[in-house]
């Protein structure tokens, strides 16, 4: 028997207008015996039509999507749309408040916790509710990510290779409509428990992003998110207006195999030798790592494993063995 979710919405999902409220998750703790985690949510509806589910804050230290969705929730008018837009800007709300990738309550990584459990941890309960109560309502799902405190990315929208090629084509068309500077066929080294995976398994049109990182954001990157969200809603037939597609958008990238990922095999002081967006040739020096405990040592050098573009790089000045040092993606067209 499927257990009932303890989460209850404070707003309706089936009434026209703008509704700002919360997903209320009871959470008893030392400082509030009958307290709750109040996850902000906005539902904007105007008649019958498609539904878009827009999520950010799957990881709490990724801000480009968070900023864009908080803005949209305060600006989007029912008169502009046909159908419904569900905006969940800080899906892992405890992590967002803590400025951390994972939840401070249970250390849960929401994007590795799906399908979740109605009687599980706080993070598992959030995953369960989103999957069982929000995803089924959606025709198209956009989950906005960036690199957080530890990674930085060139700004791209992304989809995955799927067994269902009709579904994959829908996702690719939506990704291109987002009109980020880059569009990526993205490879996940471990997709178990990801929001992406369960949404795709539900047959939905799904797009994700990596729009920067470093635990902060920039005006340029927020503008990319703002434009992309609106373009996607227009593509879905929900928002009126013409899409904004810059001439230099949509460079197509591919991550064909695990060789795209460069992992550090040493710990110490990180020196990037190439910048994000730079083209490299296989064998080019891309980084050095120095022993941080003494001077005079020979640094470990890291070379590009393939021709391509530096799509991602480690962000902090120190790096540990096993950290992702860089991702080299192939440029496959426009």
Protein backbone atom coordinates (compact mmCIF):
# COMPACT_ATOMS: atom_id res chain seq x y z
CA UNK A 1 0.00 0.00 0.00
CA UNK A 2 1.35 3.42 -1.02
CA UNK A 3 1.84 5.65 1.99
CA UNK A 4 0.30 9.10 2.03
CA UNK A 5 2.72 11.99 1.81
CA UNK A 6 2.94 14.11 4.96
CA UNK A 7 3.42 17.19 2.75
CA UNK A 8 0.38 19.38 2.14
CA UNK A 9 0.17 22.37 -0.21
CA UNK A 10 -1.25 25.61 1.18
CA UNK A 11 -2.48 26.74 -2.26
CA UNK A 12 -4.75 25.25 -4.93
CA UNK A 13 -3.38 23.77 -8.14
CA UNK A 14 -6.62 23.85 -10.12
CA UNK A 15 -7.84 27.43 -9.76
CA UNK A 16 -7.15 30.29 -12.13
CA UNK A 17 -4.99 33.17 -10.94
CA UNK A 18 -1.70 33.57 -9.12
CA UNK A 19 -1.25 31.56 -5.93
CA UNK A 20 1.82 31.95 -3.71
CA UNK A 21 2.22 29.57 -0.82
CA UNK A 22 4.09 26.60 0.55
CA UNK A 23 4.51 22.88 0.57
CA UNK A 24 4.20 22.25 4.30
CA UNK A 25 6.32 19.38 5.61
CA UNK A 26 5.93 18.67 9.35
CA UNK A 27 9.33 18.49 11.02
CA UNK A 28 9.61 18.11 14.78
CA UNK A 29 12.93 19.36 16.15
CA UNK A 30 14.57 20.84 19.24
CA UNK A 31 13.59 24.43 18.50
CA UNK A 32 10.06 23.72 17.23
CA UNK A 33 8.29 20.62 18.53
CA UNK A 34 5.40 20.93 16.08
CA UNK A 35 7.34 22.80 13.43
CA UNK A 36 7.39 22.45 9.66
CA UNK A 37 9.64 22.97 6.67
CA UNK A 38 7.79 25.52 4.52
CA UNK A 39 8.91 25.14 0.90
CA UNK A 40 7.90 28.14 -1.26
CA UNK A 41 5.79 27.36 -4.32
CA UNK A 42 3.83 29.41 -6.84
CA UNK A 43 1.08 28.19 -9.16
CA UNK A 44 -0.10 30.45 -12.00
CA UNK A 45 -3.06 29.21 -14.02
CA UNK A 46 -5.21 30.53 -16.82
CA UNK A 47 -7.71 28.03 -18.17
CA UNK A 48 -6.98 24.69 -19.73
CA UNK A 49 -3.66 24.04 -21.42
CA UNK A 50 -0.26 22.51 -20.90
CA UNK A 51 1.48 22.52 -17.53
CA UNK A 52 5.15 23.38 -16.99
CA UNK A 53 6.93 22.40 -13.79
CA UNK A 54 9.90 24.72 -13.19
CA UNK A 55 12.30 23.72 -10.42
CA UNK A 56 15.48 25.14 -8.95
CA UNK A 57 17.46 24.59 -5.79
CA UNK A 58 17.65 20.82 -6.26
CA UNK A 59 21.06 21.59 -4.78
CA UNK A 60 20.99 24.50 -2.38
CA UNK A 61 24.17 26.29 -3.51
CA UNK A 62 23.24 26.67 -7.20
CA UNK A 63 21.88 30.17 -7.64
CA UNK A 64 21.29 31.00 -11.30
CA UNK A 65 18.02 29.07 -11.45
CA UNK A 66 16.97 30.08 -7.95
CA UNK A 67 17.23 33.78 -8.76
CA UNK A 68 15.45 33.42 -12.08
CA UNK A 69 12.53 31.43 -10.68
CA UNK A 70 12.02 33.68 -7.66
CA UNK A 71 11.86 36.59 -10.12
CA UNK A 72 9.44 34.81 -12.44
CA UNK A 73 7.10 33.91 -9.59
CA UNK A 74 6.69 37.60 -8.82
CA UNK A 75 6.31 38.78 -12.40
CA UNK A 76 4.39 36.22 -14.46
CA UNK A 77 0.75 37.18 -15.03
CA UNK A 78 -2.12 34.77 -15.80
CA UNK A 79 -3.03 37.01 -18.73
CA UNK A 80 0.28 36.08 -20.38
CA UNK A 81 -0.32 32.32 -20.32
CA UNK A 82 -2.67 29.58 -21.38
CA UNK A 83 -2.47 26.61 -19.05
CA UNK A 84 -0.43 26.42 -15.88
CA UNK A 85 3.03 27.10 -14.55
CA UNK A 86 4.16 25.48 -11.29
CA UNK A 87 7.26 27.20 -9.88
CA UNK A 88 9.27 25.46 -7.17
CA UNK A 89 12.39 27.66 -6.99
CA UNK A 90 14.06 26.04 -3.97
CA UNK A 91 13.13 22.38 -4.13
CA UNK A 92 15.62 21.37 -1.42
CA UNK A 93 14.66 24.33 0.76
CA UNK A 94 16.72 23.32 3.84
CA UNK A 95 19.84 23.11 1.66
CA UNK A 96 19.06 26.48 0.09
CA UNK A 97 18.75 28.18 3.49
CA UNK A 98 22.03 26.56 4.50
CA UNK A 99 23.81 27.55 1.26
CA UNK A 100 24.89 23.95 0.85
CA UNK A 101 24.58 21.26 -1.81
CA UNK A 102 22.90 18.82 0.59
CA UNK A 103 20.37 19.21 3.38
CA UNK A 104 21.70 20.24 6.81
CA UNK A 105 18.87 18.21 8.38
CA UNK A 106 19.75 14.75 7.09
CA UNK A 107 22.71 15.38 4.72
CA UNK A 108 20.44 14.23 1.91
CA UNK A 109 21.39 14.99 -1.68
CA UNK A 110 17.94 15.54 -3.17
CA UNK A 111 19.18 14.80 -6.69
CA UNK A 112 20.26 11.32 -5.58
CA UNK A 113 17.15 10.63 -3.43
CA UNK A 114 14.43 9.89 -5.99
CA UNK A 115 11.92 8.26 -6.01
CA UNK A 116 11.99 9.12 -2.30
CA UNK A 117 9.92 7.75 0.58
CA UNK A 118 6.77 9.18 2.15
CA UNK A 119 7.93 7.84 5.53
CA UNK A 120 11.65 8.51 5.02
CA UNK A 121 13.97 11.37 5.86
CA UNK A 122 13.06 15.00 5.18
CA UNK A 123 14.91 14.86 1.84
CA UNK A 124 13.24 11.59 0.87
CA UNK A 125 9.82 13.02 1.74
CA UNK A 126 10.43 16.02 -0.54
CA UNK A 127 11.51 13.72 -3.37
CA UNK A 128 8.47 11.51 -2.90
CA UNK A 129 6.03 14.44 -2.99
CA UNK A 130 7.58 16.09 -6.04
CA UNK A 131 7.59 12.83 -7.99
CA UNK A 132 4.13 11.58 -7.01
CA UNK A 133 2.20 14.86 -6.86
CA UNK A 134 3.90 17.43 -9.11
CA UNK A 135 5.55 15.51 -11.95
CA UNK A 136 2.32 13.76 -13.01
CA UNK A 137 0.69 17.18 -13.45
CA UNK A 138 3.40 18.38 -15.86
CA UNK A 139 3.72 18.15 -19.62
CA UNK A 140 7.22 19.64 -19.56
CA UNK A 141 9.74 19.82 -16.70
CA UNK A 142 12.71 22.19 -16.43
CA UNK A 143 15.21 21.64 -13.60
CA UNK A 144 17.71 24.50 -13.40
CA UNK A 145 21.21 23.62 -12.19
CA UNK A 146 24.66 25.13 -12.06
CA UNK A 147 27.96 24.05 -10.51
CA UNK A 148 27.46 25.20 -6.93
CA UNK A 149 30.48 25.97 -4.79
CA UNK A 150 32.78 23.33 -6.28
CA UNK A 151 32.31 23.50 -10.06
CA UNK A 152 31.92 26.13 -12.76
CA UNK A 153 30.35 25.49 -16.18
CA UNK A 154 29.96 27.22 -19.47
CA UNK A 155 26.22 28.01 -19.62
CA UNK A 156 24.33 25.19 -21.31
CA UNK A 157 20.94 23.52 -21.45
CA UNK A 158 21.08 19.73 -21.53
CA UNK A 159 19.18 16.55 -22.22
CA UNK A 160 20.11 12.87 -22.17
CA UNK A 161 20.21 10.08 -24.71
CA UNK A 162 16.98 8.10 -24.18
CA UNK A 163 15.76 4.70 -25.33
CA UNK A 164 12.52 6.31 -26.49
CA UNK A 165 13.70 8.34 -29.49
CA UNK A 166 10.39 10.19 -29.87
CA UNK A 167 10.70 11.38 -26.28
CA UNK A 168 14.37 12.21 -26.82
CA UNK A 169 13.45 14.32 -29.85
CA UNK A 170 10.88 16.25 -27.77
CA UNK A 171 13.51 16.91 -25.14
CA UNK A 172 16.10 18.01 -27.72
CA UNK A 173 13.62 20.42 -29.33
CA UNK A 174 12.82 21.91 -25.92
CA UNK A 175 16.54 22.19 -25.10
CA UNK A 176 17.17 24.05 -28.35
CA UNK A 177 14.20 26.33 -27.67
CA UNK A 178 15.77 27.33 -24.33
CA UNK A 179 18.48 28.95 -26.48
CA UNK A 180 21.36 28.84 -24.01
CA UNK A 181 24.78 29.70 -25.44
CA UNK A 182 25.47 25.93 -25.55
CA UNK A 183 23.26 22.83 -25.80
CA UNK A 184 24.61 19.55 -24.41
CA UNK A 185 23.86 15.87 -24.88
CA UNK A 186 24.83 15.16 -21.30
CA UNK A 187 26.33 11.98 -19.87
CA UNK A 188 25.69 11.11 -16.22
CA UNK A 189 28.30 8.86 -14.60
CA UNK A 190 25.71 7.73 -12.04
CA UNK A 191 22.07 8.50 -12.79
CA UNK A 192 20.54 6.41 -9.99
CA UNK A 193 18.28 8.52 -7.78
CA UNK A 194 18.38 11.58 -10.00
CA UNK A 195 15.34 13.76 -10.61
CA UNK A 196 16.24 13.67 -14.31
CA UNK A 197 15.98 9.88 -14.39
CA UNK A 198 12.58 9.54 -12.75
CA UNK A 199 11.06 12.37 -14.79
CA UNK A 200 12.32 10.82 -18.02
CA UNK A 201 11.05 7.41 -16.90
CA UNK A 202 7.64 9.06 -16.47
CA UNK A 203 7.73 9.94 -20.17
CA UNK A 204 7.92 13.70 -19.69
CA UNK A 205 9.69 16.25 -21.82
CA UNK A 206 12.65 17.12 -19.60
CA UNK A 207 15.39 19.76 -19.83
CA UNK A 208 18.08 20.55 -17.32
CA UNK A 209 20.87 23.13 -17.28
CA UNK A 210 24.29 23.97 -16.01
CA UNK A 211 24.43 27.76 -16.05
CA UNK A 212 27.62 28.63 -14.20
CA UNK A 213 28.67 27.94 -10.65
CA UNK A 214 31.14 28.93 -8.00
CA UNK A 215 28.47 29.33 -5.33
CA UNK A 216 27.29 32.67 -6.70
CA UNK A 217 26.02 34.08 -9.98
CA UNK A 218 26.37 36.97 -12.41
CA UNK A 219 23.98 39.30 -14.19
CA UNK A 220 24.84 37.59 -17.49
CA UNK A 221 24.06 34.11 -16.20
CA UNK A 222 20.78 35.14 -14.61
CA UNK A 223 19.82 36.80 -17.89
CA UNK A 224 20.48 33.50 -19.70
CA UNK A 225 18.21 31.71 -17.23
CA UNK A 226 15.49 34.37 -17.48
CA UNK A 227 15.50 34.25 -21.27
CA UNK A 228 15.67 30.48 -21.41
CA UNK A 229 12.74 29.92 -19.06
CA UNK A 230 10.53 32.27 -21.05
CA UNK A 231 11.64 30.69 -24.35
CA UNK A 232 10.78 27.25 -23.01
CA UNK A 233 7.32 28.36 -21.89
CA UNK A 234 6.70 29.84 -25.35
CA UNK A 235 7.90 26.58 -26.94
CA UNK A 236 5.48 24.63 -24.73
CA UNK A 237 2.55 26.74 -25.91
CA UNK A 238 1.98 28.22 -22.46
CA UNK A 239 3.40 31.74 -22.73
CA UNK A 240 2.47 34.23 -25.44
CA UNK A 241 5.11 36.18 -27.32
CA UNK A 242 8.07 35.53 -29.57
CA UNK A 243 11.14 33.62 -28.40
CA UNK A 244 14.39 35.52 -27.85
CA UNK A 245 17.09 33.55 -29.64
CA UNK A 246 20.52 35.22 -29.81
CA UNK A 247 22.55 34.58 -32.96
CA UNK A 248 25.38 32.98 -30.97
CA UNK A 249 23.18 30.55 -29.02
CA UNK A 250 22.82 26.81 -29.41
CA UNK A 251 26.34 25.55 -30.07
CA UNK A 252 25.82 21.79 -29.87
CA UNK A 253 28.05 19.79 -27.54
CA UNK A 254 28.30 16.10 -26.76
CA UNK A 255 29.70 14.04 -23.90
CA UNK A 256 29.99 10.72 -25.74
CA UNK A 257 31.67 8.69 -22.99
CA UNK A 258 33.28 8.79 -19.55
CA UNK A 259 36.57 9.90 -21.09
CA UNK A 260 35.15 13.44 -21.08
CA UNK A 261 35.63 13.60 -17.31
CA UNK A 262 39.07 14.37 -15.87
CA UNK A 263 39.34 13.34 -12.20
CA UNK A 264 42.12 14.52 -9.92
CA UNK A 265 44.44 11.78 -8.69
CA UNK A 266 46.22 14.12 -6.30
CA UNK A 267 45.35 16.64 -3.58
CA UNK A 268 46.70 20.13 -3.19
CA UNK A 269 46.79 23.57 -4.78
CA UNK A 270 44.87 23.72 -8.06
CA UNK A 271 46.22 25.67 -11.03
CA UNK A 272 43.92 25.83 -14.07
CA UNK A 273 46.00 26.17 -17.24
CA UNK A 274 43.00 26.74 -19.54
CA UNK A 275 39.80 28.67 -19.04
CA UNK A 276 36.16 27.74 -19.44
CA UNK A 277 35.06 27.79 -23.06
CA UNK A 278 38.61 27.37 -24.39
CA UNK A 279 39.20 24.87 -27.18
CA UNK A 280 41.86 22.24 -26.46
CA UNK A 281 43.53 19.43 -28.35
CA UNK A 282 44.13 15.98 -26.92
CA UNK A 283 47.33 16.09 -24.87
CA UNK A 284 47.17 19.83 -24.10
CA UNK A 285 48.05 20.78 -20.54
CA UNK A 286 44.84 21.77 -18.76
CA UNK A 287 45.83 21.91 -15.06
CA UNK A 288 48.51 21.37 -12.44
CA UNK A 289 48.12 20.31 -8.81
CA UNK A 290 50.87 21.22 -6.32
CA UNK A 291 51.63 19.56 -3.01
CA UNK A 292 50.25 22.15 -0.61
CA UNK A 293 52.33 20.93 2.33
CA UNK A 294 55.81 21.81 1.02
CA UNK A 295 57.60 23.84 -1.61
CA UNK A 296 59.92 22.56 -4.30
CA UNK A 297 57.88 19.56 -5.39
CA UNK A 298 57.01 18.68 -8.95
CA UNK A 299 53.30 19.32 -9.62
CA UNK A 300 51.02 16.67 -11.07
CA UNK A 301 50.09 17.68 -14.59
CA UNK A 302 46.76 16.91 -16.24
CA UNK A 303 46.29 16.68 -20.00
CA UNK A 304 43.19 16.93 -22.16
CA UNK A 305 41.90 13.41 -22.88
CA UNK A 306 40.33 14.45 -26.20
CA UNK A 307 39.84 17.37 -28.56
CA UNK A 308 37.05 19.65 -27.46
CA UNK A 309 35.91 22.54 -25.32
CA UNK A 310 36.47 23.04 -21.60
CA UNK A 311 32.85 22.78 -20.48
CA UNK A 312 33.48 22.48 -16.74
CA UNK A 313 36.30 23.09 -14.28
CA UNK A 314 36.97 22.64 -10.58
CA UNK A 315 36.31 25.95 -8.85
CA UNK A 316 37.96 26.15 -5.39
CA UNK A 317 41.67 26.84 -5.08
CA UNK A 318 42.28 23.52 -3.34
CA UNK A 319 41.44 20.14 -4.84
CA UNK A 320 41.20 16.62 -3.42
CA UNK A 321 41.88 13.21 -4.92
CA UNK A 322 38.73 12.10 -6.73
CA UNK A 323 37.37 15.59 -7.39
CA UNK A 324 36.21 16.40 -10.91
CA UNK A 325 39.00 18.56 -12.29
CA UNK A 326 37.49 19.30 -15.71
CA UNK A 327 35.08 18.12 -18.37
CA UNK A 328 36.08 18.23 -22.03
CA UNK A 329 33.06 18.09 -24.34
CA UNK A 330 33.04 17.64 -28.10
CA UNK A 331 31.68 20.39 -30.35
CA UNK A 332 29.34 18.70 -32.81
CA UNK A 333 27.54 21.55 -34.55
CA UNK A 334 25.09 24.39 -34.16
